[in-house]
Amino acid sequence: KHPSENMVLMQGEDTAVLIHETSGETGFQAPHSYESIDSVGEIKNPGYAVLNNIAVTQEGRPLFENRFKNRAGKVENEPGFKAIRVLRPLEGDTYVILTLWEEEKAFQDWQQSNSYQ
């Protein structure tokens, strides 16, 4: 229905999410909308996606966002890394940190590395 739009379906054993990155109108009837405050790499299949949902109070937003805006960028140099998005909610208080990896093992190896600390 929207062949020119970049939409990526990510699905696990019992969950799924459809990602639509756009600065224009979305095709979703009831979208969860976010502003990307940090973006590296391309979101596209195939890969292993990790989405962390982090509730942040209104007072804590500046500190939380500053942490990501000033991060050292260590994750981008990890083997198997493909992309990261730090997403600020346009409504609500739950940020989403999405990382995309070539495979699950690359993500697990990063978690065991010094740069994860």
C-alpha atoms as a PDB file:
ATOM      1  CA  LYS A   1       0.000   0.000   0.000  1.00  0.00           C
ATOM      2  CA  HIS A   2       2.995   2.316   0.668  1.00  0.00           C
ATOM      3  CA  PRO A   3       5.739   0.981  -1.636  1.00  0.00           C
ATOM      4  CA  SER A   4       7.923   4.096  -1.465  1.00  0.00           C
ATOM      5  CA  GLU A   5       8.024   4.175   2.367  1.00  0.00           C
ATOM      6  CA  ASN A   6      10.823   2.595   4.410  1.00  0.00           C
ATOM      7  CA  MET A   7       9.057   0.214   6.801  1.00  0.00           C
ATOM      8  CA  VAL A   8      10.758  -2.681   8.556  1.00  0.00           C
ATOM      9  CA  LEU A   9       8.956  -5.553  10.276  1.00  0.00           C
ATOM     10  CA  MET A  10      10.852  -6.957  13.255  1.00  0.00           C
ATOM     11  CA  GLN A  11       9.421 -10.058  14.822  1.00  0.00           C
ATOM     12  CA  GLY A  12      10.435 -12.452  17.534  1.00  0.00           C
ATOM     13  CA  GLU A  13       8.914 -15.628  18.841  1.00  0.00           C
ATOM     14  CA  ASP A  14       5.927 -13.900  20.435  1.00  0.00           C
ATOM     15  CA  THR A  15       6.257 -10.197  19.600  1.00  0.00           C
ATOM     16  CA  ALA A  16       6.463  -7.961  16.561  1.00  0.00           C
ATOM     17  CA  VAL A  17       7.007  -4.290  15.800  1.00  0.00           C
ATOM     18  CA  LEU A  18       6.713  -2.400  12.536  1.00  0.00           C
ATOM     19  CA  ILE A  19       9.184   0.500  12.265  1.00  0.00           C
ATOM     20  CA  HIS A  20       8.417   3.413   9.957  1.00  0.00           C
ATOM     21  CA  GLU A  21      11.066   6.138   9.888  1.00  0.00           C
ATOM     22  CA  THR A  22       9.685   9.301   8.329  1.00  0.00           C
ATOM     23  CA  SER A  23       9.556  13.024   8.865  1.00  0.00           C
ATOM     24  CA  GLY A  24       6.231  13.135   7.028  1.00  0.00           C
ATOM     25  CA  GLU A  25       2.830  11.573   7.538  1.00  0.00           C
ATOM     26  CA  THR A  26       2.628   7.974   8.680  1.00  0.00           C
ATOM     27  CA  GLY A  27       0.361   5.302   7.264  1.00  0.00           C
ATOM     28  CA  PHE A  28      -0.486   3.996  10.741  1.00  0.00           C
ATOM     29  CA  GLN A  29      -3.922   4.733  12.172  1.00  0.00           C
ATOM     30  CA  ALA A  30      -2.707   4.947  15.794  1.00  0.00           C
ATOM     31  CA  PRO A  31       1.072   5.410  15.734  1.00  0.00           C
ATOM     32  CA  HIS A  32       3.433   5.667  18.675  1.00  0.00           C
ATOM     33  CA  SER A  33       5.408   8.726  17.574  1.00  0.00           C
ATOM     34  CA  TYR A  34       8.967   9.546  18.591  1.00  0.00           C
ATOM     35  CA  GLU A  35      11.656  12.068  17.809  1.00  0.00           C
ATOM     36  CA  SER A  36      15.086  10.593  17.155  1.00  0.00           C
ATOM     37  CA  ILE A  37      17.681  12.304  19.353  1.00  0.00           C
ATOM     38  CA  ASP A  38      20.538   9.997  18.280  1.00  0.00           C
ATOM     39  CA  SER A  39      20.763   8.016  15.080  1.00  0.00           C
ATOM     40  CA  VAL A  40      23.567   5.953  13.539  1.00  0.00           C
ATOM     41  CA  GLY A  41      23.280   3.347  10.772  1.00  0.00           C
ATOM     42  CA  GLU A  42      20.332   2.065   8.779  1.00  0.00           C
ATOM     43  CA  ILE A  43      17.354   0.141  10.121  1.00  0.00           C
ATOM     44  CA  LYS A  44      16.723  -2.681   7.686  1.00  0.00           C
ATOM     45  CA  ASN A  45      16.300  -6.447   7.710  1.00  0.00           C
ATOM     46  CA  PRO A  46      17.669  -8.917   8.446  1.00  0.00           C
ATOM     47  CA  GLY A  47      19.180  -8.516  11.875  1.00  0.00           C
ATOM     48  CA  TYR A  48      18.722  -8.923  15.596  1.00  0.00           C
ATOM     49  CA  ALA A  49      16.896  -5.991  17.191  1.00  0.00           C
ATOM     50  CA  VAL A  50      16.971  -5.011  20.846  1.00  0.00           C
ATOM     51  CA  LEU A  51      14.417  -2.452  22.065  1.00  0.00           C
ATOM     52  CA  ASN A  52      14.779  -1.081  25.588  1.00  0.00           C
ATOM     53  CA  ASN A  53      11.835   0.901  26.939  1.00  0.00           C
ATOM     54  CA  ILE A  54      12.925   3.350  29.635  1.00  0.00           C
ATOM     55  CA  ALA A  55      10.485   5.501  31.600  1.00  0.00           C
ATOM     56  CA  VAL A  56      11.976   8.948  32.290  1.00  0.00           C
ATOM     57  CA  THR A  57      10.323  11.658  34.384  1.00  0.00           C
ATOM     58  CA  GLN A  58       9.896  15.136  32.921  1.00  0.00           C
ATOM     59  CA  GLU A  59      12.566  16.404  35.342  1.00  0.00           C
ATOM     60  CA  GLY A  60      14.978  13.631  34.328  1.00  0.00           C
ATOM     61  CA  ARG A  61      14.746  14.156  30.557  1.00  0.00           C
ATOM     62  CA  PRO A  62      17.632  16.646  30.181  1.00  0.00           C
ATOM     63  CA  LEU A  63      20.071  14.421  32.091  1.00  0.00           C
ATOM     64  CA  PHE A  64      18.931  11.266  30.280  1.00  0.00           C
ATOM     65  CA  GLU A  65      19.190  12.881  26.834  1.00  0.00           C
ATOM     66  CA  ASN A  66      22.550  14.478  27.627  1.00  0.00           C
ATOM     67  CA  ARG A  67      23.921  11.055  28.525  1.00  0.00           C
ATOM     68  CA  PHE A  68      23.093   9.724  25.060  1.00  0.00           C
ATOM     69  CA  LYS A  69      23.999  12.848  23.117  1.00  0.00           C
ATOM     70  CA  ASN A  70      27.446  12.844  24.705  1.00  0.00           C
ATOM     71  CA  ARG A  71      28.068   9.106  24.654  1.00  0.00           C
ATOM     72  CA  ALA A  72      31.442   7.967  23.421  1.00  0.00           C
ATOM     73  CA  GLY A  73      29.948   6.057  20.491  1.00  0.00           C
ATOM     74  CA  LYS A  74      31.617   2.830  21.581  1.00  0.00           C
ATOM     75  CA  VAL A  75      28.752   0.632  20.406  1.00  0.00           C
ATOM     76  CA  GLU A  76      29.202   1.688  16.771  1.00  0.00           C
ATOM     77  CA  ASN A  77      32.664   0.090  16.701  1.00  0.00           C
ATOM     78  CA  GLU A  78      31.507  -3.275  17.980  1.00  0.00           C
ATOM     79  CA  PRO A  79      31.596  -6.242  15.581  1.00  0.00           C
ATOM     80  CA  GLY A  80      28.120  -6.954  14.240  1.00  0.00           C
ATOM     81  CA  PHE A  81      26.662  -3.529  15.088  1.00  0.00           C
ATOM     82  CA  LYS A  82      24.280  -2.173  12.430  1.00  0.00           C
ATOM     83  CA  ALA A  83      22.293   0.736  13.893  1.00  0.00           C
ATOM     84  CA  ILE A  84      21.094   2.628  16.964  1.00  0.00           C
ATOM     85  CA  ARG A  85      18.154   4.946  17.599  1.00  0.00           C
ATOM     86  CA  VAL A  86      17.505   6.878  20.784  1.00  0.00           C
ATOM     87  CA  LEU A  87      13.844   7.847  20.562  1.00  0.00           C
ATOM     88  CA  ARG A  88      12.109  10.559  22.622  1.00  0.00           C
ATOM     89  CA  PRO A  89       8.341  10.028  22.979  1.00  0.00           C
ATOM     90  CA  LEU A  90       6.158  12.816  21.615  1.00  0.00           C
ATOM     91  CA  GLU A  91       3.537  11.744  24.173  1.00  0.00           C
ATOM     92  CA  GLY A  92       4.170   9.924  27.435  1.00  0.00           C
ATOM     93  CA  ASP A  93       7.398   9.303  29.300  1.00  0.00           C
ATOM     94  CA  THR A  94       8.839   6.110  27.802  1.00  0.00           C
ATOM     95  CA  TYR A  95      11.952   6.475  25.651  1.00  0.00           C
ATOM     96  CA  VAL A  96      12.989   3.661  23.326  1.00  0.00           C
ATOM     97  CA  ILE A  97      16.608   2.688  22.733  1.00  0.00           C
ATOM     98  CA  LEU A  98      16.784   0.490  19.642  1.00  0.00           C
ATOM     99  CA  THR A  99      19.979  -1.270  18.616  1.00  0.00           C
ATOM    100  CA  LEU A 100      20.230  -3.479  15.556  1.00  0.00           C
ATOM    101  CA  TRP A 101      22.842  -6.216  15.217  1.00  0.00           C
ATOM    102  CA  GLU A 102      23.829  -8.652  12.477  1.00  0.00           C
ATOM    103  CA  GLU A 103      22.939 -11.533  14.815  1.00  0.00           C
ATOM    104  CA  GLU A 104      22.097 -12.256  18.450  1.00  0.00           C
ATOM    105  CA  LYS A 105      25.656 -13.443  19.192  1.00  0.00           C
ATOM    106  CA  ALA A 106      27.077 -10.026  18.220  1.00  0.00           C
ATOM    107  CA  PHE A 107      24.736  -8.383  20.757  1.00  0.00           C
ATOM    108  CA  GLN A 108      25.669 -10.883  23.465  1.00  0.00           C
ATOM    109  CA  ASP A 109      29.391 -10.407  22.754  1.00  0.00           C
ATOM    110  CA  TRP A 110      28.942  -6.633  23.132  1.00  0.00           C
ATOM    111  CA  GLN A 111      27.189  -7.137  26.475  1.00  0.00           C
ATOM    112  CA  GLN A 112      30.266  -9.030  27.695  1.00  0.00           C
ATOM    113  CA  SER A 113      32.716  -6.394  26.392  1.00  0.00           C
ATOM    114  CA  ASN A 114      34.394  -3.489  28.221  1.00  0.00           C
ATOM    115  CA  SER A 115      32.550  -0.952  26.085  1.00  0.00           C
ATOM    116  CA  TYR A 116      29.214  -2.136  27.528  1.00  0.00           C
ATOM    117  CA  GLN A 117      30.271  -1.103  31.053  1.00  0.00           C
END
